[in-house]
């Protein structure tokens, strides 16, 4: 039996894990994360140029997180997330132009 689309058992046709360069940084958002579906929808709306829907989804995300205490700024997970973001930007800038 195959799993839901985008799972290990039923990879998305756009799954890129096997295509990652050896030194290419990546970040995984798991379904276990309470914001996962909203964050993926936000990404899709932005990519599709649907700014109104993206704005609404971001407002929804902000509402979902309003009453949650923020992760401490010295949290190792928080700091690593920003380090990955910076590594992604640096990797893209250093990538040879096609």
N, C-alpha and C. Protein backbone atom coordinates (compact mmCIF):
# COMPACT_ATOMS: atom_id res chain seq x y z
N UNK A 1 0.85 -1.19 0.00
CA UNK A 1 0.00 0.00 0.00
C UNK A 1 0.88 1.23 0.00
N UNK A 2 0.61 2.19 -0.88
CA UNK A 2 1.42 3.40 -0.91
C UNK A 2 0.86 4.43 0.06
N UNK A 3 1.72 5.29 0.51
CA UNK A 3 1.32 6.33 1.45
C UNK A 3 0.79 7.55 0.73
N UNK A 4 0.51 8.61 1.48
CA UNK A 4 0.02 9.84 0.86
C UNK A 4 1.10 10.48 -0.02
N UNK A 5 0.65 11.22 -1.01
CA UNK A 5 1.59 11.88 -1.92
C UNK A 5 2.56 12.75 -1.11
N UNK A 6 3.81 12.69 -1.49
CA UNK A 6 4.83 13.46 -0.80
C UNK A 6 5.46 12.72 0.36
N UNK A 7 5.10 11.46 0.55
CA UNK A 7 5.67 10.67 1.65
C UNK A 7 6.84 9.83 1.11
N UNK A 8 7.57 9.19 2.03
CA UNK A 8 8.64 8.29 1.61
C UNK A 8 8.10 7.19 0.71
N UNK A 9 6.90 6.69 1.03
CA UNK A 9 6.31 5.58 0.29
C UNK A 9 5.71 6.01 -1.05
N UNK A 10 5.42 7.30 -1.21
CA UNK A 10 4.78 7.80 -2.42
C UNK A 10 5.33 9.19 -2.73
N UNK A 11 6.57 9.20 -3.20
CA UNK A 11 7.24 10.49 -3.47
C UNK A 11 6.45 11.32 -4.47
N UNK A 12 6.49 12.61 -4.28
CA UNK A 12 5.92 13.55 -5.25
C UNK A 12 6.71 13.44 -6.54
N UNK A 13 6.06 13.67 -7.65
CA UNK A 13 6.78 13.66 -8.93
C UNK A 13 7.82 14.78 -8.98
N UNK A 14 7.71 15.75 -8.07
CA UNK A 14 8.65 16.86 -8.02
C UNK A 14 9.64 16.72 -6.86
N UNK A 15 9.65 15.55 -6.22
CA UNK A 15 10.58 15.30 -5.11
C UNK A 15 12.00 15.53 -5.60
N UNK A 16 12.75 16.31 -4.85
CA UNK A 16 14.08 16.69 -5.30
C UNK A 16 15.20 16.09 -4.46
N UNK A 17 14.86 15.31 -3.45
CA UNK A 17 15.89 14.82 -2.55
C UNK A 17 17.02 14.11 -3.29
N UNK A 18 16.68 13.21 -4.21
CA UNK A 18 17.71 12.47 -4.95
C UNK A 18 18.51 13.36 -5.90
N UNK A 19 17.98 14.55 -6.23
CA UNK A 19 18.65 15.46 -7.15
C UNK A 19 19.52 16.50 -6.45
N UNK A 20 19.49 16.52 -5.12
CA UNK A 20 20.29 17.51 -4.40
C UNK A 20 21.77 17.33 -4.70
N UNK A 21 22.46 18.45 -4.91
CA UNK A 21 23.92 18.40 -5.01
C UNK A 21 24.46 17.98 -3.65
N UNK A 22 25.60 17.36 -3.64
CA UNK A 22 26.18 16.86 -2.39
C UNK A 22 26.33 17.96 -1.34
N UNK A 23 26.61 19.19 -1.79
CA UNK A 23 26.82 20.29 -0.84
C UNK A 23 25.63 21.25 -0.77
N UNK A 24 24.50 20.86 -1.36
CA UNK A 24 23.33 21.76 -1.39
C UNK A 24 22.55 21.68 -0.09
N UNK A 25 22.41 22.81 0.62
CA UNK A 25 21.63 22.80 1.86
C UNK A 25 20.14 22.57 1.55
N UNK A 26 19.45 21.93 2.47
CA UNK A 26 18.01 21.73 2.32
C UNK A 26 17.36 21.79 3.70
N UNK A 27 16.04 21.95 3.69
CA UNK A 27 15.27 22.07 4.92
C UNK A 27 13.99 21.28 4.73
N UNK A 28 13.65 20.44 5.68
CA UNK A 28 12.46 19.60 5.58
C UNK A 28 11.40 20.11 6.56
N UNK A 29 10.20 20.28 6.06
CA UNK A 29 9.06 20.60 6.92
C UNK A 29 8.19 19.35 6.96
N UNK A 30 8.08 18.76 8.13
CA UNK A 30 7.33 17.51 8.28
C UNK A 30 5.87 17.80 8.61
N UNK A 31 5.01 16.86 8.27
CA UNK A 31 3.58 16.98 8.57
C UNK A 31 3.34 17.09 10.07
N UNK A 32 4.26 16.59 10.86
CA UNK A 32 4.17 16.66 12.31
C UNK A 32 4.20 18.11 12.83
N UNK A 33 4.77 19.02 12.05
CA UNK A 33 4.81 20.44 12.43
C UNK A 33 3.41 21.01 12.27
N UNK A 34 2.85 21.62 13.33
CA UNK A 34 1.48 22.14 13.25
C UNK A 34 1.27 23.21 12.17
N UNK A 35 2.34 23.84 11.72
CA UNK A 35 2.21 24.87 10.68
C UNK A 35 2.56 24.36 9.29
N UNK A 36 2.89 23.08 9.17
CA UNK A 36 3.42 22.56 7.91
C UNK A 36 2.51 22.82 6.71
N UNK A 37 1.24 22.48 6.82
CA UNK A 37 0.35 22.65 5.67
C UNK A 37 0.19 24.13 5.29
N UNK A 38 0.08 25.00 6.29
CA UNK A 38 -0.07 26.43 6.01
C UNK A 38 1.20 27.01 5.38
N UNK A 39 2.36 26.57 5.85
CA UNK A 39 3.62 27.06 5.28
C UNK A 39 3.79 26.62 3.84
N UNK A 40 3.41 25.38 3.54
CA UNK A 40 3.52 24.88 2.18
C UNK A 40 2.53 25.60 1.26
N UNK A 41 1.32 25.85 1.76
CA UNK A 41 0.35 26.63 0.97
C UNK A 41 0.87 28.03 0.70
N UNK A 42 1.47 28.66 1.71
CA UNK A 42 2.03 30.01 1.54
C UNK A 42 3.09 29.98 0.43
N UNK A 43 3.97 29.01 0.47
CA UNK A 43 5.01 28.86 -0.55
C UNK A 43 4.39 28.72 -1.94
N UNK A 44 3.34 27.89 -2.04
CA UNK A 44 2.68 27.66 -3.33
C UNK A 44 2.01 28.94 -3.84
N UNK A 45 1.33 29.67 -2.95
CA UNK A 45 0.68 30.92 -3.37
C UNK A 45 1.71 31.94 -3.86
N UNK A 46 2.82 32.05 -3.15
CA UNK A 46 3.86 33.00 -3.56
C UNK A 46 4.42 32.59 -4.92
N UNK A 47 4.72 31.30 -5.07
CA UNK A 47 5.26 30.81 -6.34
C UNK A 47 4.32 30.99 -7.50
N UNK A 48 3.02 30.93 -7.23
CA UNK A 48 2.01 31.08 -8.28
C UNK A 48 1.65 32.55 -8.53
N UNK A 49 2.29 33.44 -7.79
CA UNK A 49 2.01 34.87 -7.97
C UNK A 49 0.66 35.30 -7.43
N UNK A 50 0.10 34.54 -6.51
CA UNK A 50 -1.20 34.87 -5.94
C UNK A 50 -0.99 35.64 -4.63
N UNK A 51 -0.68 36.91 -4.79
CA UNK A 51 -0.29 37.71 -3.62
C UNK A 51 -1.43 37.88 -2.60
N UNK A 52 -2.65 38.00 -3.08
CA UNK A 52 -3.78 38.13 -2.15
C UNK A 52 -3.95 36.88 -1.29
N UNK A 53 -3.90 35.72 -1.94
CA UNK A 53 -4.02 34.46 -1.20
C UNK A 53 -2.83 34.27 -0.27
N UNK A 54 -1.63 34.67 -0.72
CA UNK A 54 -0.43 34.57 0.12
C UNK A 54 -0.57 35.46 1.35
N UNK A 55 -1.06 36.65 1.14
CA UNK A 55 -1.26 37.58 2.27
C UNK A 55 -2.25 36.99 3.27
N UNK A 56 -3.34 36.44 2.77
CA UNK A 56 -4.35 35.83 3.65
C UNK A 56 -3.78 34.64 4.41
N UNK A 57 -2.98 33.82 3.73
CA UNK A 57 -2.40 32.64 4.37
C UNK A 57 -1.40 33.07 5.44
N UNK A 58 -0.61 34.10 5.16
CA UNK A 58 0.34 34.60 6.16
C UNK A 58 -0.41 35.14 7.37
N UNK A 59 -1.50 35.84 7.15
CA UNK A 59 -2.32 36.33 8.27
C UNK A 59 -2.85 35.16 9.08
N UNK A 60 -3.25 34.08 8.40
CA UNK A 60 -3.73 32.88 9.10
C UNK A 60 -2.61 32.26 9.95
N UNK A 61 -1.41 32.20 9.38
CA UNK A 61 -0.26 31.65 10.12
C UNK A 61 0.03 32.51 11.35
N UNK A 62 0.00 33.81 11.18
CA UNK A 62 0.27 34.71 12.31
C UNK A 62 -0.78 34.54 13.40
N UNK A 63 -2.02 34.31 12.99
CA UNK A 63 -3.09 34.09 13.98
C UNK A 63 -2.88 32.76 14.71
N UNK A 64 -2.46 31.74 13.98
CA UNK A 64 -2.21 30.43 14.59
C UNK A 64 -1.09 30.49 15.63
N UNK A 65 -0.15 31.38 15.41
CA UNK A 65 1.01 31.46 16.31
C UNK A 65 0.90 32.56 17.36
N UNK A 66 -0.14 33.35 17.29
CA UNK A 66 -0.28 34.52 18.17
C UNK A 66 -0.19 34.17 19.65
N UNK A 67 -0.83 33.10 20.05
CA UNK A 67 -0.89 32.76 21.46
C UNK A 67 0.20 31.78 21.91
N UNK A 68 1.08 31.41 20.99
CA UNK A 68 2.17 30.50 21.35
C UNK A 68 3.38 31.30 21.79
N UNK A 69 4.03 30.86 22.84
CA UNK A 69 5.26 31.56 23.22
C UNK A 69 6.33 31.34 22.15
N UNK A 70 7.09 32.36 21.82
CA UNK A 70 8.13 32.17 20.81
C UNK A 70 9.24 31.27 21.33
N UNK A 71 9.89 30.62 20.42
CA UNK A 71 11.04 29.80 20.78
C UNK A 71 12.15 30.75 21.24
N UNK A 72 12.83 30.45 22.32
CA UNK A 72 13.90 31.36 22.79
C UNK A 72 14.94 31.60 21.69
N UNK A 73 15.42 32.82 21.59
CA UNK A 73 16.36 33.16 20.51
C UNK A 73 17.67 32.38 20.60
N UNK A 74 17.96 31.82 21.77
CA UNK A 74 19.18 31.02 21.88
C UNK A 74 18.90 29.52 21.69
N UNK A 75 17.69 29.18 21.24
CA UNK A 75 17.34 27.79 20.98
C UNK A 75 18.22 27.25 19.85
N UNK A 76 18.84 26.09 20.05
CA UNK A 76 19.67 25.52 18.99
C UNK A 76 18.89 25.29 17.69
N UNK A 77 17.63 24.88 17.79
CA UNK A 77 16.83 24.64 16.58
C UNK A 77 16.57 25.94 15.84
N UNK A 78 16.24 26.99 16.58
CA UNK A 78 16.00 28.32 16.00
C UNK A 78 17.27 28.83 15.29
N UNK A 79 18.39 28.72 15.97
CA UNK A 79 19.65 29.21 15.41
C UNK A 79 20.06 28.40 14.17
N UNK A 80 19.85 27.09 14.22
CA UNK A 80 20.21 26.26 13.06
C UNK A 80 19.32 26.56 11.87
N UNK A 81 18.05 26.85 12.10
CA UNK A 81 17.15 27.20 11.00
C UNK A 81 17.67 28.42 10.25
N UNK A 82 18.09 29.45 10.98
CA UNK A 82 18.65 30.63 10.33
C UNK A 82 19.98 30.32 9.65
N UNK A 83 20.77 29.44 10.24
CA UNK A 83 22.04 29.06 9.61
C UNK A 83 21.79 28.34 8.28
N UNK A 84 20.76 27.49 8.24
CA UNK A 84 20.41 26.81 6.99
C UNK A 84 19.95 27.82 5.95
N UNK A 85 19.14 28.79 6.36
CA UNK A 85 18.68 29.82 5.45
C UNK A 85 19.86 30.59 4.85
N UNK A 86 20.79 30.96 5.68
CA UNK A 86 21.98 31.68 5.20
C UNK A 86 22.83 30.79 4.29
N UNK A 87 22.96 29.51 4.64
CA UNK A 87 23.72 28.58 3.80
C UNK A 87 23.07 28.43 2.42
N UNK A 88 21.73 28.41 2.39
CA UNK A 88 21.02 28.31 1.12
C UNK A 88 21.32 29.52 0.23
N UNK A 89 21.25 30.69 0.82
CA UNK A 89 21.53 31.91 0.06
C UNK A 89 22.96 31.91 -0.46
N UNK A 90 23.89 31.56 0.39
CA UNK A 90 25.30 31.52 -0.02
C UNK A 90 25.53 30.49 -1.11
N UNK A 91 24.90 29.33 -0.98
CA UNK A 91 25.05 28.27 -1.97
C UNK A 91 24.54 28.74 -3.33
N UNK A 92 23.36 29.39 -3.32
CA UNK A 92 22.77 29.88 -4.58
C UNK A 92 23.67 30.93 -5.23
N UNK A 93 24.22 31.83 -4.42
CA UNK A 93 25.10 32.87 -4.98
C UNK A 93 26.36 32.28 -5.57
N UNK A 94 26.87 31.19 -4.99
CA UNK A 94 28.10 30.58 -5.45
C UNK A 94 27.91 29.57 -6.55
N UNK A 95 26.65 29.26 -6.88
CA UNK A 95 26.34 28.27 -7.91
C UNK A 95 26.72 28.81 -9.28
N UNK A 96 27.40 28.03 -10.10
CA UNK A 96 27.75 28.50 -11.44
C UNK A 96 26.48 28.82 -12.25
N UNK A 97 26.55 29.87 -13.03
CA UNK A 97 25.41 30.27 -13.88
C UNK A 97 25.32 29.35 -15.09
N UNK A 98 24.08 28.95 -15.42
CA UNK A 98 23.87 28.06 -16.58
C UNK A 98 23.81 28.84 -17.85
